[in-house]
Amino acid sequence: MKFSLILFFSLLMSSFNAQAINPDDSFTFELGLPNATNNKAYRSIMQGLVCISPSYQYALKNGISFGIGLHYSYFAINEFKVQPKIFGGIHSAATFLKLGHEKFWTERFGTEIGCKIGYLNSFAVSDSIKNYRRTEATFVEPFISFIATSSVNSAYRFTIGFPFYGFNFTPKTIGILDSSMGYSSADFSKIASAFTISFGYTFYFNGKKNTDED
């Protein structure tokens, strides 16, 4: 996380001579680190390793944006937190529609705030599951991005997201069928969610020009 912050602000400083971007259609690729939250058992047992999100969007002149994209995340089982000790993890993949607002405050700095809503499939695999355990759910992720331009067509972004995976995690999810591992039913009542820190790149296609041309 510290490295991502340093890299982002270095790119922000290096973009002082960048031209203004008027958002139109764009493609973004983000790579980040998820941290489990909300569900107590999920937060304790599962370790977030990676989240990836490519997306395409179109922004209107007033900054309102519409998009479509994919989300993938992987949470590994912390083998030191489960008895018996098992290995494995949960792969989650979602397709989503995206609604947001993107605004450039200066020639070099912009923000985007929005929400992704879609359909998710989670696949739990472990030593205790013969094949895999599949869960279908609704995917929701509110987010905010801080954007630094590097040219009229390119920008880098630092994104904070809060994905909700739509399923209730219990030890049974990863194949532990005969134990609640000391957790109460209340600990399982909240849906699995995460706090994500991501670093991304955005390429803007059409309608990008210097403000001097406006």
N, C-alpha and C. Protein backbone atom coordinates (compact mmCIF):
# COMPACT_ATOMS: atom_id res chain seq x y z
N MET A 1 0.83 -1.20 0.00
CA MET A 1 0.00 0.00 0.00
C MET A 1 0.87 1.25 0.00
N LYS A 2 1.90 1.28 0.84
CA LYS A 2 2.79 2.43 0.91
C LYS A 2 3.48 2.66 -0.44
N PHE A 3 3.90 1.56 -1.09
CA PHE A 3 4.55 1.67 -2.40
C PHE A 3 3.58 2.26 -3.43
N SER A 4 2.31 1.82 -3.40
CA SER A 4 1.31 2.32 -4.34
C SER A 4 1.09 3.80 -4.17
N LEU A 5 1.02 4.27 -2.92
CA LEU A 5 0.83 5.69 -2.66
C LEU A 5 2.00 6.51 -3.18
N ILE A 6 3.23 6.02 -2.92
CA ILE A 6 4.42 6.73 -3.39
C ILE A 6 4.44 6.80 -4.91
N LEU A 7 4.12 5.67 -5.57
CA LEU A 7 4.13 5.62 -7.02
C LEU A 7 3.06 6.53 -7.61
N PHE A 8 1.88 6.55 -7.00
CA PHE A 8 0.79 7.39 -7.51
C PHE A 8 1.16 8.86 -7.44
N PHE A 9 1.67 9.31 -6.30
CA PHE A 9 1.99 10.72 -6.17
C PHE A 9 3.22 11.11 -6.99
N SER A 10 4.11 10.15 -7.26
CA SER A 10 5.22 10.42 -8.17
C SER A 10 4.70 10.68 -9.58
N LEU A 11 3.72 9.88 -10.00
CA LEU A 11 3.11 10.07 -11.31
C LEU A 11 2.34 11.39 -11.37
N LEU A 12 1.71 11.75 -10.26
CA LEU A 12 0.99 13.02 -10.20
C LEU A 12 1.95 14.19 -10.39
N MET A 13 3.11 14.13 -9.73
CA MET A 13 4.10 15.20 -9.86
C MET A 13 4.67 15.25 -11.27
N SER A 14 4.84 14.08 -11.90
CA SER A 14 5.44 14.04 -13.23
C SER A 14 4.48 14.49 -14.32
N SER A 15 3.21 14.69 -13.97
CA SER A 15 2.21 15.05 -14.98
C SER A 15 1.92 16.54 -15.01
N PHE A 16 2.80 17.37 -14.46
CA PHE A 16 2.55 18.81 -14.37
C PHE A 16 2.38 19.46 -15.74
N ASN A 17 3.00 18.89 -16.79
CA ASN A 17 2.89 19.48 -18.12
C ASN A 17 1.82 18.80 -18.97
N ALA A 18 0.98 17.98 -18.34
CA ALA A 18 -0.03 17.25 -19.10
C ALA A 18 -1.13 18.18 -19.57
N GLN A 19 -1.75 17.82 -20.70
CA GLN A 19 -2.89 18.57 -21.21
C GLN A 19 -4.15 18.09 -20.52
N ALA A 20 -5.20 18.91 -20.58
CA ALA A 20 -6.46 18.55 -19.94
C ALA A 20 -7.12 17.41 -20.69
N ILE A 21 -7.83 16.58 -19.96
CA ILE A 21 -8.59 15.49 -20.55
C ILE A 21 -10.08 15.81 -20.38
N ASN A 22 -10.82 15.74 -21.48
CA ASN A 22 -12.26 15.84 -21.43
C ASN A 22 -12.80 14.42 -21.52
N PRO A 23 -13.29 13.84 -20.43
CA PRO A 23 -13.68 12.43 -20.43
C PRO A 23 -14.72 12.11 -21.50
N ASP A 24 -14.52 11.01 -22.18
CA ASP A 24 -15.47 10.50 -23.17
C ASP A 24 -15.53 9.00 -22.92
N ASP A 25 -15.13 8.18 -23.88
CA ASP A 25 -15.07 6.75 -23.61
C ASP A 25 -13.65 6.35 -23.25
N SER A 26 -13.54 5.38 -22.36
CA SER A 26 -12.22 5.01 -21.83
C SER A 26 -12.19 3.56 -21.40
N PHE A 27 -10.97 3.04 -21.29
CA PHE A 27 -10.74 1.69 -20.78
C PHE A 27 -9.82 1.79 -19.57
N THR A 28 -10.18 1.09 -18.51
CA THR A 28 -9.40 1.11 -17.27
C THR A 28 -9.05 -0.30 -16.84
N PHE A 29 -7.81 -0.48 -16.39
CA PHE A 29 -7.38 -1.75 -15.80
C PHE A 29 -6.83 -1.46 -14.41
N GLU A 30 -7.36 -2.16 -13.40
CA GLU A 30 -6.93 -1.95 -12.02
C GLU A 30 -6.45 -3.25 -11.39
N LEU A 31 -5.41 -3.13 -10.60
CA LEU A 31 -4.84 -4.26 -9.86
C LEU A 31 -4.69 -3.84 -8.41
N GLY A 32 -5.20 -4.66 -7.49
CA GLY A 32 -5.17 -4.23 -6.11
C GLY A 32 -5.09 -5.35 -5.10
N LEU A 33 -5.17 -4.95 -3.84
CA LEU A 33 -5.10 -5.86 -2.71
C LEU A 33 -6.39 -5.75 -1.90
N PRO A 34 -7.13 -6.86 -1.75
CA PRO A 34 -8.36 -6.84 -0.96
C PRO A 34 -8.10 -7.25 0.49
N ASN A 35 -8.82 -6.65 1.40
CA ASN A 35 -8.75 -7.02 2.82
C ASN A 35 -10.16 -7.33 3.30
N ALA A 36 -10.36 -8.55 3.82
CA ALA A 36 -11.69 -8.99 4.24
C ALA A 36 -12.22 -8.13 5.39
N THR A 37 -13.51 -7.81 5.34
CA THR A 37 -14.16 -7.02 6.39
C THR A 37 -15.53 -7.61 6.70
N ASN A 38 -16.25 -6.96 7.59
CA ASN A 38 -17.67 -7.21 7.85
C ASN A 38 -17.93 -8.54 8.56
N ASN A 39 -17.96 -9.65 7.83
CA ASN A 39 -18.19 -10.97 8.41
C ASN A 39 -16.98 -11.37 9.25
N LYS A 40 -17.20 -11.60 10.55
CA LYS A 40 -16.08 -11.83 11.47
C LYS A 40 -15.26 -13.06 11.10
N ALA A 41 -15.93 -14.15 10.76
CA ALA A 41 -15.22 -15.38 10.40
C ALA A 41 -14.45 -15.19 9.10
N TYR A 42 -15.05 -14.53 8.14
CA TYR A 42 -14.40 -14.27 6.85
C TYR A 42 -13.16 -13.41 7.05
N ARG A 43 -13.28 -12.42 7.91
CA ARG A 43 -12.16 -11.51 8.18
C ARG A 43 -11.00 -12.24 8.86
N SER A 44 -11.32 -13.20 9.71
CA SER A 44 -10.29 -13.91 10.46
C SER A 44 -9.63 -15.04 9.66
N ILE A 45 -10.45 -15.77 8.90
CA ILE A 45 -9.97 -16.99 8.24
C ILE A 45 -9.37 -16.73 6.86
N MET A 46 -9.92 -15.76 6.14
CA MET A 46 -9.53 -15.56 4.74
C MET A 46 -8.56 -14.38 4.59
N GLN A 47 -7.55 -14.57 3.76
CA GLN A 47 -6.55 -13.54 3.48
C GLN A 47 -6.65 -13.11 2.01
N GLY A 48 -6.93 -11.83 1.79
CA GLY A 48 -7.01 -11.33 0.42
C GLY A 48 -5.64 -11.24 -0.23
N LEU A 49 -5.52 -11.80 -1.43
CA LEU A 49 -4.23 -11.79 -2.14
C LEU A 49 -4.23 -10.89 -3.36
N VAL A 50 -5.34 -10.84 -4.10
CA VAL A 50 -5.34 -10.03 -5.32
C VAL A 50 -6.77 -9.71 -5.74
N CYS A 51 -6.94 -8.56 -6.37
CA CYS A 51 -8.19 -8.24 -7.06
C CYS A 51 -7.84 -7.54 -8.37
N ILE A 52 -8.56 -7.88 -9.42
CA ILE A 52 -8.31 -7.36 -10.76
C ILE A 52 -9.63 -6.88 -11.35
N SER A 53 -9.61 -5.74 -12.03
CA SER A 53 -10.85 -5.22 -12.60
C SER A 53 -10.59 -4.43 -13.89
N PRO A 54 -10.85 -5.04 -15.06
CA PRO A 54 -10.85 -4.28 -16.31
C PRO A 54 -12.27 -3.76 -16.57
N SER A 55 -12.38 -2.56 -17.14
CA SER A 55 -13.71 -2.01 -17.41
C SER A 55 -13.66 -1.00 -18.55
N TYR A 56 -14.81 -0.82 -19.20
CA TYR A 56 -14.98 0.18 -20.24
C TYR A 56 -16.12 1.09 -19.83
N GLN A 57 -15.98 2.40 -20.06
CA GLN A 57 -17.06 3.31 -19.71
C GLN A 57 -17.15 4.48 -20.68
N TYR A 58 -18.33 5.09 -20.69
CA TYR A 58 -18.57 6.30 -21.49
C TYR A 58 -19.06 7.39 -20.56
N ALA A 59 -18.45 8.57 -20.65
CA ALA A 59 -18.83 9.69 -19.79
C ALA A 59 -19.50 10.78 -20.61
N LEU A 60 -20.60 11.32 -20.08
CA LEU A 60 -21.29 12.43 -20.71
C LEU A 60 -20.57 13.73 -20.40
N LYS A 61 -20.99 14.82 -21.06
CA LYS A 61 -20.35 16.11 -20.85
C LYS A 61 -20.47 16.60 -19.41
N ASN A 62 -21.55 16.19 -18.73
CA ASN A 62 -21.73 16.61 -17.34
C ASN A 62 -20.98 15.72 -16.35
N GLY A 63 -20.21 14.74 -16.86
CA GLY A 63 -19.40 13.89 -16.00
C GLY A 63 -20.04 12.58 -15.61
N ILE A 64 -21.36 12.44 -15.80
CA ILE A 64 -22.02 11.17 -15.49
C ILE A 64 -21.48 10.09 -16.42
N SER A 65 -21.11 8.95 -15.84
CA SER A 65 -20.50 7.88 -16.64
C SER A 65 -21.26 6.57 -16.48
N PHE A 66 -21.25 5.79 -17.56
CA PHE A 66 -21.88 4.47 -17.60
C PHE A 66 -20.84 3.49 -18.11
N GLY A 67 -20.79 2.31 -17.51
CA GLY A 67 -19.77 1.37 -17.95
C GLY A 67 -20.13 -0.08 -17.70
N ILE A 68 -19.25 -0.94 -18.16
CA ILE A 68 -19.38 -2.38 -17.98
C ILE A 68 -17.99 -2.94 -17.70
N GLY A 69 -17.92 -4.00 -16.91
CA GLY A 69 -16.60 -4.53 -16.60
C GLY A 69 -16.63 -5.88 -15.91
N LEU A 70 -15.45 -6.32 -15.54
CA LEU A 70 -15.25 -7.60 -14.86
C LEU A 70 -14.51 -7.38 -13.55
N HIS A 71 -14.79 -8.24 -12.60
CA HIS A 71 -14.09 -8.20 -11.31
C HIS A 71 -13.64 -9.61 -10.97
N TYR A 72 -12.39 -9.72 -10.50
CA TYR A 72 -11.89 -11.01 -10.00
C TYR A 72 -11.13 -10.76 -8.71
N SER A 73 -11.36 -11.61 -7.73
CA SER A 73 -10.57 -11.53 -6.49
C SER A 73 -10.29 -12.94 -5.99
N TYR A 74 -9.20 -13.04 -5.23
CA TYR A 74 -8.85 -14.33 -4.64
C TYR A 74 -8.48 -14.13 -3.18
N PHE A 75 -9.17 -14.90 -2.32
CA PHE A 75 -8.88 -14.92 -0.89
C PHE A 75 -8.40 -16.32 -0.52
N ALA A 76 -7.22 -16.40 0.08
CA ALA A 76 -6.65 -17.68 0.49
C ALA A 76 -7.04 -18.01 1.92
N ILE A 77 -7.17 -19.29 2.21
CA ILE A 77 -7.43 -19.73 3.58
C ILE A 77 -6.16 -19.58 4.40
N ASN A 78 -6.28 -18.93 5.54
CA ASN A 78 -5.16 -18.87 6.48
C ASN A 78 -5.14 -20.18 7.26
N GLU A 79 -4.24 -21.07 6.86
CA GLU A 79 -4.23 -22.42 7.44
C GLU A 79 -3.95 -22.43 8.93
N PHE A 80 -3.42 -21.33 9.45
CA PHE A 80 -3.13 -21.27 10.88
C PHE A 80 -4.36 -20.87 11.70
N LYS A 81 -5.45 -20.51 11.01
CA LYS A 81 -6.67 -20.08 11.69
C LYS A 81 -7.77 -21.13 11.67
N VAL A 82 -7.51 -22.29 11.06
CA VAL A 82 -8.55 -23.31 10.95
C VAL A 82 -8.06 -24.63 11.52
N GLN A 83 -9.00 -25.38 12.06
CA GLN A 83 -8.74 -26.72 12.56
C GLN A 83 -9.83 -27.66 12.03
N PRO A 84 -9.44 -28.74 11.34
CA PRO A 84 -8.06 -29.12 11.01
C PRO A 84 -7.45 -28.17 9.98
N LYS A 85 -6.13 -28.16 9.91
CA LYS A 85 -5.43 -27.29 8.98
C LYS A 85 -5.73 -27.71 7.54
N ILE A 86 -6.22 -26.77 6.74
CA ILE A 86 -6.51 -27.05 5.34
C ILE A 86 -5.96 -25.92 4.47
N PHE A 87 -5.80 -26.21 3.19
CA PHE A 87 -5.29 -25.23 2.24
C PHE A 87 -6.32 -25.02 1.14
N GLY A 88 -6.34 -23.82 0.60
CA GLY A 88 -7.28 -23.51 -0.47
C GLY A 88 -7.63 -22.05 -0.47
N GLY A 89 -8.77 -21.73 -1.07
CA GLY A 89 -9.19 -20.34 -1.12
C GLY A 89 -10.51 -20.17 -1.83
N ILE A 90 -10.90 -18.92 -2.03
CA ILE A 90 -12.15 -18.59 -2.71
C ILE A 90 -11.86 -17.67 -3.89
N HIS A 91 -12.20 -18.14 -5.09
CA HIS A 91 -12.12 -17.34 -6.30
C HIS A 91 -13.48 -16.70 -6.54
N SER A 92 -13.52 -15.40 -6.72
CA SER A 92 -14.78 -14.70 -7.00
C SER A 92 -14.65 -13.94 -8.32
N ALA A 93 -15.61 -14.18 -9.21
CA ALA A 93 -15.60 -13.51 -10.51
C ALA A 93 -16.98 -12.90 -10.75
N ALA A 94 -16.99 -11.65 -11.21
CA ALA A 94 -18.25 -10.95 -11.41
C ALA A 94 -18.23 -10.15 -12.71
N THR A 95 -19.38 -10.02 -13.33
CA THR A 95 -19.60 -9.05 -14.40
C THR A 95 -20.48 -7.96 -13.82
N PHE A 96 -20.21 -6.71 -14.18
CA PHE A 96 -20.95 -5.63 -13.55
C PHE A 96 -21.25 -4.49 -14.52
N LEU A 97 -22.29 -3.75 -14.17
CA LEU A 97 -22.58 -2.46 -14.78
C LEU A 97 -22.12 -1.39 -13.80
N LYS A 98 -21.71 -0.27 -14.33
CA LYS A 98 -21.08 0.76 -13.50
C LYS A 98 -21.74 2.11 -13.76
N LEU A 99 -22.05 2.82 -12.69
CA LEU A 99 -22.59 4.17 -12.79
C LEU A 99 -21.76 5.08 -11.90
N GLY A 100 -21.32 6.21 -12.43
CA GLY A 100 -20.46 7.07 -11.63
C GLY A 100 -20.45 8.50 -12.13
N HIS A 101 -19.56 9.28 -11.55
CA HIS A 101 -19.35 10.67 -11.96
C HIS A 101 -17.85 10.94 -11.97
N GLU A 102 -17.34 11.34 -13.13
CA GLU A 102 -15.91 11.60 -13.31
C GLU A 102 -15.71 13.09 -13.59
N LYS A 103 -14.79 13.71 -12.86
CA LYS A 103 -14.56 15.15 -13.03
C LYS A 103 -13.07 15.45 -12.90
N PHE A 104 -12.56 16.27 -13.82
CA PHE A 104 -11.19 16.75 -13.73
C PHE A 104 -11.20 18.16 -13.17
N TRP A 105 -10.58 18.30 -12.00
CA TRP A 105 -10.58 19.57 -11.29
C TRP A 105 -9.52 20.52 -11.83
N THR A 106 -8.43 19.96 -12.34
CA THR A 106 -7.36 20.73 -12.98
C THR A 106 -6.93 19.95 -14.22
N GLU A 107 -5.92 20.46 -14.92
CA GLU A 107 -5.40 19.74 -16.08
C GLU A 107 -4.75 18.42 -15.70
N ARG A 108 -4.41 18.26 -14.44
CA ARG A 108 -3.63 17.10 -14.02
C ARG A 108 -4.35 16.18 -13.05
N PHE A 109 -5.40 16.67 -12.40
CA PHE A 109 -5.99 15.89 -11.32
C PHE A 109 -7.51 15.79 -11.47
N GLY A 110 -8.01 14.57 -11.29
CA GLY A 110 -9.45 14.34 -11.35
C GLY A 110 -9.88 13.31 -10.33
N THR A 111 -11.18 13.16 -10.19
CA THR A 111 -11.74 12.17 -9.29
C THR A 111 -12.89 11.45 -9.99
N GLU A 112 -13.16 10.26 -9.52
CA GLU A 112 -14.35 9.53 -9.97
C GLU A 112 -14.96 8.84 -8.77
N ILE A 113 -16.26 8.94 -8.63
CA ILE A 113 -16.98 8.26 -7.57
C ILE A 113 -18.14 7.52 -8.21
N GLY A 114 -18.40 6.31 -7.75
CA GLY A 114 -19.47 5.54 -8.39
C GLY A 114 -19.74 4.23 -7.70
N CYS A 115 -20.49 3.38 -8.39
CA CYS A 115 -20.84 2.07 -7.84
C CYS A 115 -20.94 1.06 -8.97
N LYS A 116 -20.43 -0.14 -8.71
CA LYS A 116 -20.52 -1.25 -9.64
C LYS A 116 -21.55 -2.25 -9.10
N ILE A 117 -22.46 -2.70 -9.94
CA ILE A 117 -23.48 -3.66 -9.53
C ILE A 117 -23.55 -4.77 -10.58
N GLY A 118 -23.51 -6.02 -10.12
CA GLY A 118 -23.53 -7.10 -11.10
C GLY A 118 -23.81 -8.46 -10.50
N TYR A 119 -23.44 -9.48 -11.27
CA TYR A 119 -23.70 -10.88 -10.94
C TYR A 119 -22.37 -11.57 -10.65
N LEU A 120 -22.32 -12.29 -9.54
CA LEU A 120 -21.06 -12.88 -9.07
C LEU A 120 -21.16 -14.39 -8.91
N ASN A 121 -20.09 -15.07 -9.28
CA ASN A 121 -19.91 -16.49 -8.98
C ASN A 121 -18.67 -16.63 -8.12
N SER A 122 -18.80 -17.30 -6.98
CA SER A 122 -17.66 -17.60 -6.12
C SER A 122 -17.42 -19.10 -6.11
N PHE A 123 -16.15 -19.48 -6.20
CA PHE A 123 -15.77 -20.88 -6.21
C PHE A 123 -14.81 -21.14 -5.06
N ALA A 124 -15.27 -21.88 -4.06
CA ALA A 124 -14.43 -22.24 -2.92
C ALA A 124 -13.76 -23.58 -3.21
N VAL A 125 -12.44 -23.63 -3.04
CA VAL A 125 -11.68 -24.86 -3.23
C VAL A 125 -10.80 -25.08 -2.00
N SER A 126 -10.73 -26.32 -1.54
CA SER A 126 -9.88 -26.63 -0.39
C SER A 126 -9.63 -28.13 -0.33
N ASP A 127 -8.75 -28.52 0.59
CA ASP A 127 -8.45 -29.94 0.78
C ASP A 127 -9.69 -30.71 1.23
N SER A 128 -10.67 -30.00 1.81
CA SER A 128 -11.87 -30.65 2.34
C SER A 128 -13.03 -30.68 1.36
N ILE A 129 -12.84 -30.13 0.17
CA ILE A 129 -13.89 -30.12 -0.84
C ILE A 129 -13.43 -30.96 -2.03
N LYS A 130 -14.25 -31.90 -2.45
CA LYS A 130 -13.84 -32.84 -3.50
C LYS A 130 -13.55 -32.12 -4.80
N ASN A 131 -14.46 -31.27 -5.25
CA ASN A 131 -14.24 -30.50 -6.48
C ASN A 131 -14.16 -29.02 -6.13
N TYR A 132 -15.30 -28.38 -6.04
CA TYR A 132 -15.37 -26.98 -5.59
C TYR A 132 -16.79 -26.70 -5.12
N ARG A 133 -16.95 -25.63 -4.37
CA ARG A 133 -18.28 -25.22 -3.92
C ARG A 133 -18.60 -23.87 -4.56
N ARG A 134 -19.66 -23.86 -5.36
CA ARG A 134 -20.03 -22.66 -6.12
C ARG A 134 -21.16 -21.89 -5.43
N THR A 135 -21.02 -20.57 -5.39
CA THR A 135 -22.06 -19.70 -4.84
C THR A 135 -22.36 -18.59 -5.83
N GLU A 136 -23.64 -18.37 -6.11
CA GLU A 136 -24.07 -17.28 -6.97
C GLU A 136 -24.66 -16.17 -6.10
N ALA A 137 -24.35 -14.92 -6.42
CA ALA A 137 -24.82 -13.82 -5.58
C ALA A 137 -24.79 -12.51 -6.36
N THR A 138 -25.30 -11.47 -5.73
CA THR A 138 -25.24 -10.12 -6.28
C THR A 138 -23.95 -9.45 -5.83
N PHE A 139 -23.28 -8.80 -6.76
CA PHE A 139 -22.03 -8.10 -6.48
C PHE A 139 -22.30 -6.60 -6.48
N VAL A 140 -21.85 -5.91 -5.42
CA VAL A 140 -21.99 -4.46 -5.32
C VAL A 140 -20.67 -3.88 -4.82
N GLU A 141 -20.18 -2.83 -5.49
CA GLU A 141 -18.93 -2.21 -5.05
C GLU A 141 -18.97 -0.68 -5.23
N PRO A 142 -19.23 0.07 -4.17
CA PRO A 142 -19.01 1.51 -4.24
C PRO A 142 -17.52 1.81 -4.22
N PHE A 143 -17.10 2.90 -4.89
CA PHE A 143 -15.67 3.18 -4.98
C PHE A 143 -15.44 4.67 -5.18
N ILE A 144 -14.20 5.08 -4.93
CA ILE A 144 -13.73 6.42 -5.25
C ILE A 144 -12.33 6.31 -5.82
N SER A 145 -12.06 7.06 -6.90
CA SER A 145 -10.75 7.03 -7.55
C SER A 145 -10.16 8.43 -7.60
N PHE A 146 -8.84 8.50 -7.42
CA PHE A 146 -8.08 9.74 -7.55
C PHE A 146 -7.20 9.58 -8.79
N ILE A 147 -7.34 10.49 -9.75
CA ILE A 147 -6.78 10.32 -11.08
C ILE A 147 -5.70 11.36 -11.37
N ALA A 148 -4.56 10.91 -11.89
CA ALA A 148 -3.48 11.81 -12.32
C ALA A 148 -3.21 11.57 -13.80
N THR A 149 -3.33 12.63 -14.62
CA THR A 149 -3.11 12.48 -16.06
C THR A 149 -1.62 12.47 -16.39
N SER A 150 -1.26 11.72 -17.42
CA SER A 150 0.11 11.72 -17.92
C SER A 150 0.18 12.22 -19.35
N SER A 151 -0.95 12.23 -20.06
CA SER A 151 -1.05 12.78 -21.42
C SER A 151 -2.53 13.02 -21.69
N VAL A 152 -2.86 13.49 -22.90
CA VAL A 152 -4.26 13.74 -23.21
C VAL A 152 -5.06 12.45 -23.32
N ASN A 153 -4.39 11.33 -23.45
CA ASN A 153 -5.08 10.05 -23.58
C ASN A 153 -4.84 9.08 -22.43
N SER A 154 -3.94 9.41 -21.52
CA SER A 154 -3.58 8.45 -20.48
C SER A 154 -3.66 9.06 -19.09
N ALA A 155 -4.00 8.21 -18.12
CA ALA A 155 -4.04 8.63 -16.73
C ALA A 155 -3.80 7.43 -15.83
N TYR A 156 -3.30 7.71 -14.64
CA TYR A 156 -3.13 6.70 -13.61
C TYR A 156 -4.09 7.01 -12.48
N ARG A 157 -4.53 5.96 -11.79
CA ARG A 157 -5.50 6.19 -10.73
C ARG A 157 -5.24 5.33 -9.50
N PHE A 158 -5.61 5.90 -8.37
CA PHE A 158 -5.53 5.22 -7.08
C PHE A 158 -6.97 5.07 -6.60
N THR A 159 -7.42 3.83 -6.40
CA THR A 159 -8.84 3.57 -6.13
C THR A 159 -9.04 2.87 -4.79
N ILE A 160 -10.02 3.34 -4.06
CA ILE A 160 -10.47 2.70 -2.82
C ILE A 160 -11.86 2.14 -3.08
N GLY A 161 -12.03 0.84 -2.86
CA GLY A 161 -13.31 0.20 -3.11
C GLY A 161 -13.82 -0.59 -1.92
N PHE A 162 -15.12 -0.84 -1.93
CA PHE A 162 -15.76 -1.60 -0.86
C PHE A 162 -16.68 -2.65 -1.48
N PRO A 163 -16.11 -3.74 -2.04
CA PRO A 163 -16.94 -4.76 -2.67
C PRO A 163 -17.71 -5.61 -1.66
N PHE A 164 -18.98 -5.86 -1.97
CA PHE A 164 -19.82 -6.78 -1.20
C PHE A 164 -20.09 -7.99 -2.09
N TYR A 165 -19.71 -9.18 -1.59
CA TYR A 165 -19.76 -10.38 -2.42
C TYR A 165 -21.08 -11.13 -2.35
N GLY A 166 -21.98 -10.72 -1.48
CA GLY A 166 -23.35 -11.22 -1.51
C GLY A 166 -23.61 -12.58 -0.90
N PHE A 167 -22.61 -13.22 -0.29
CA PHE A 167 -22.86 -14.52 0.34
C PHE A 167 -22.40 -14.49 1.79
N ASN A 168 -23.01 -15.34 2.59
CA ASN A 168 -22.65 -15.45 4.01
C ASN A 168 -21.58 -16.51 4.16
N PHE A 169 -20.41 -16.10 4.59
CA PHE A 169 -19.30 -17.03 4.77
C PHE A 169 -19.44 -17.77 6.09
N THR A 170 -19.26 -19.09 6.06
CA THR A 170 -19.18 -19.93 7.25
C THR A 170 -18.06 -20.95 7.02
N PRO A 171 -17.62 -21.68 8.05
CA PRO A 171 -16.61 -22.72 7.83
C PRO A 171 -17.05 -23.76 6.78
N LYS A 172 -18.37 -23.97 6.66
CA LYS A 172 -18.86 -24.92 5.65
C LYS A 172 -18.50 -24.46 4.23
N THR A 173 -18.37 -23.16 4.05
CA THR A 173 -18.03 -22.63 2.73
C THR A 173 -16.73 -23.21 2.21
N ILE A 174 -15.78 -23.44 3.11
CA ILE A 174 -14.47 -23.97 2.71
C ILE A 174 -14.31 -25.45 3.06
N GLY A 175 -15.44 -26.11 3.39
CA GLY A 175 -15.42 -27.56 3.57
C GLY A 175 -15.31 -28.07 4.99
N ILE A 176 -15.34 -27.18 5.98
CA ILE A 176 -15.32 -27.62 7.39
C ILE A 176 -16.76 -27.80 7.83
N LEU A 177 -17.24 -29.03 7.87
CA LEU A 177 -18.66 -29.31 8.07
C LEU A 177 -19.04 -29.60 9.51
N ASP A 178 -18.09 -29.97 10.35
CA ASP A 178 -18.44 -30.46 11.69
C ASP A 178 -18.04 -29.50 12.80
N SER A 179 -17.77 -28.24 12.48
CA SER A 179 -17.34 -27.31 13.52
C SER A 179 -17.68 -25.87 13.12
N SER A 180 -18.11 -25.10 14.13
CA SER A 180 -18.32 -23.66 13.91
C SER A 180 -17.07 -22.88 14.27
N MET A 181 -16.04 -23.59 14.76
CA MET A 181 -14.74 -23.00 15.09
C MET A 181 -14.84 -21.89 16.14
N GLY A 182 -15.84 -22.00 17.01
CA GLY A 182 -15.97 -21.03 18.09
C GLY A 182 -16.74 -19.77 17.72
N TYR A 183 -17.20 -19.67 16.49
CA TYR A 183 -17.97 -18.49 16.07
C TYR A 183 -19.45 -18.72 16.35
N SER A 184 -20.16 -17.65 16.63
CA SER A 184 -21.60 -17.72 16.85
C SER A 184 -22.33 -17.48 15.53
N SER A 185 -23.63 -17.76 15.53
CA SER A 185 -24.41 -17.53 14.31
C SER A 185 -24.41 -16.06 13.92
N ALA A 186 -24.28 -15.17 14.91
CA ALA A 186 -24.23 -13.73 14.63
C ALA A 186 -22.98 -13.37 13.84
N ASP A 187 -21.89 -14.12 14.07
CA ASP A 187 -20.64 -13.86 13.35
C ASP A 187 -20.75 -14.20 11.87
N PHE A 188 -21.72 -15.04 11.52
CA PHE A 188 -21.91 -15.44 10.13
C PHE A 188 -23.03 -14.66 9.44
N SER A 189 -23.71 -13.79 10.18
CA SER A 189 -24.92 -13.16 9.66
C SER A 189 -24.63 -12.10 8.59
N LYS A 190 -23.46 -11.48 8.65
CA LYS A 190 -23.14 -10.43 7.69
C LYS A 190 -22.51 -11.03 6.44
N ILE A 191 -22.82 -10.43 5.29
CA ILE A 191 -22.29 -10.97 4.03
C ILE A 191 -20.80 -10.67 3.91
N ALA A 192 -20.11 -11.50 3.15
CA ALA A 192 -18.67 -11.32 2.94
C ALA A 192 -18.43 -10.03 2.15
N SER A 193 -17.45 -9.28 2.60
CA SER A 193 -17.12 -8.02 1.93
C SER A 193 -15.63 -7.74 2.11
N ALA A 194 -15.17 -6.67 1.49
CA ALA A 194 -13.74 -6.35 1.55
C ALA A 194 -13.53 -4.84 1.43
N PHE A 195 -12.34 -4.44 1.80
CA PHE A 195 -11.84 -3.08 1.59
C PHE A 195 -10.65 -3.23 0.66
N THR A 196 -10.70 -2.58 -0.51
CA THR A 196 -9.65 -2.78 -1.50
C THR A 196 -8.88 -1.50 -1.79
N ILE A 197 -7.59 -1.66 -1.98
CA ILE A 197 -6.71 -0.58 -2.43
C ILE A 197 -6.15 -1.00 -3.78
N SER A 198 -6.42 -0.21 -4.82
CA SER A 198 -6.01 -0.60 -6.17
C SER A 198 -5.26 0.52 -6.87
N PHE A 199 -4.38 0.11 -7.78
CA PHE A 199 -3.64 1.04 -8.62
C PHE A 199 -4.00 0.71 -10.06
N GLY A 200 -4.35 1.73 -10.86
CA GLY A 200 -4.83 1.43 -12.20
C GLY A 200 -4.33 2.39 -13.27
N TYR A 201 -4.60 1.99 -14.51
CA TYR A 201 -4.26 2.80 -15.69
C TYR A 201 -5.51 2.97 -16.53
N THR A 202 -5.75 4.20 -17.01
CA THR A 202 -6.90 4.48 -17.87
C THR A 202 -6.43 5.05 -19.20
N PHE A 203 -6.98 4.51 -20.28
CA PHE A 203 -6.72 5.05 -21.62
C PHE A 203 -8.01 5.67 -22.13
N TYR A 204 -7.95 6.96 -22.48
CA TYR A 204 -9.11 7.68 -23.02
C TYR A 204 -9.05 7.66 -24.54
N PHE A 205 -10.13 7.25 -25.18
CA PHE A 205 -10.14 7.06 -26.63
C PHE A 205 -10.42 8.35 -27.40
N ASN A 206 -11.66 8.75 -27.49
CA ASN A 206 -12.06 9.85 -28.37
C ASN A 206 -12.37 11.12 -27.59
N GLY A 207 -12.28 12.26 -28.30
CA GLY A 207 -12.70 13.53 -27.70
C GLY A 207 -11.73 14.10 -26.70
N LYS A 208 -10.46 13.70 -26.74
CA LYS A 208 -9.47 14.24 -25.83
C LYS A 208 -8.72 15.37 -26.53
N LYS A 209 -8.68 16.54 -25.92
CA LYS A 209 -8.03 17.68 -26.55
C LYS A 209 -7.54 18.65 -25.50
N ASN A 210 -6.65 19.48 -25.92
CA ASN A 210 -6.15 20.54 -25.05
C ASN A 210 -7.26 21.55 -24.81
N THR A 211 -7.35 22.08 -23.60
CA THR A 211 -8.38 23.05 -23.29
C THR A 211 -8.24 24.30 -24.15
N ASP A 212 -7.05 24.56 -24.70
CA ASP A 212 -6.86 25.73 -25.56
C ASP A 212 -7.67 25.62 -26.84
N GLU A 213 -8.08 24.39 -27.20
CA GLU A 213 -8.83 24.18 -28.42
C GLU A 213 -10.32 24.35 -28.21
N ASP A 214 -10.77 24.41 -26.92
CA ASP A 214 -12.20 24.50 -26.63
C ASP A 214 -12.77 25.85 -27.10
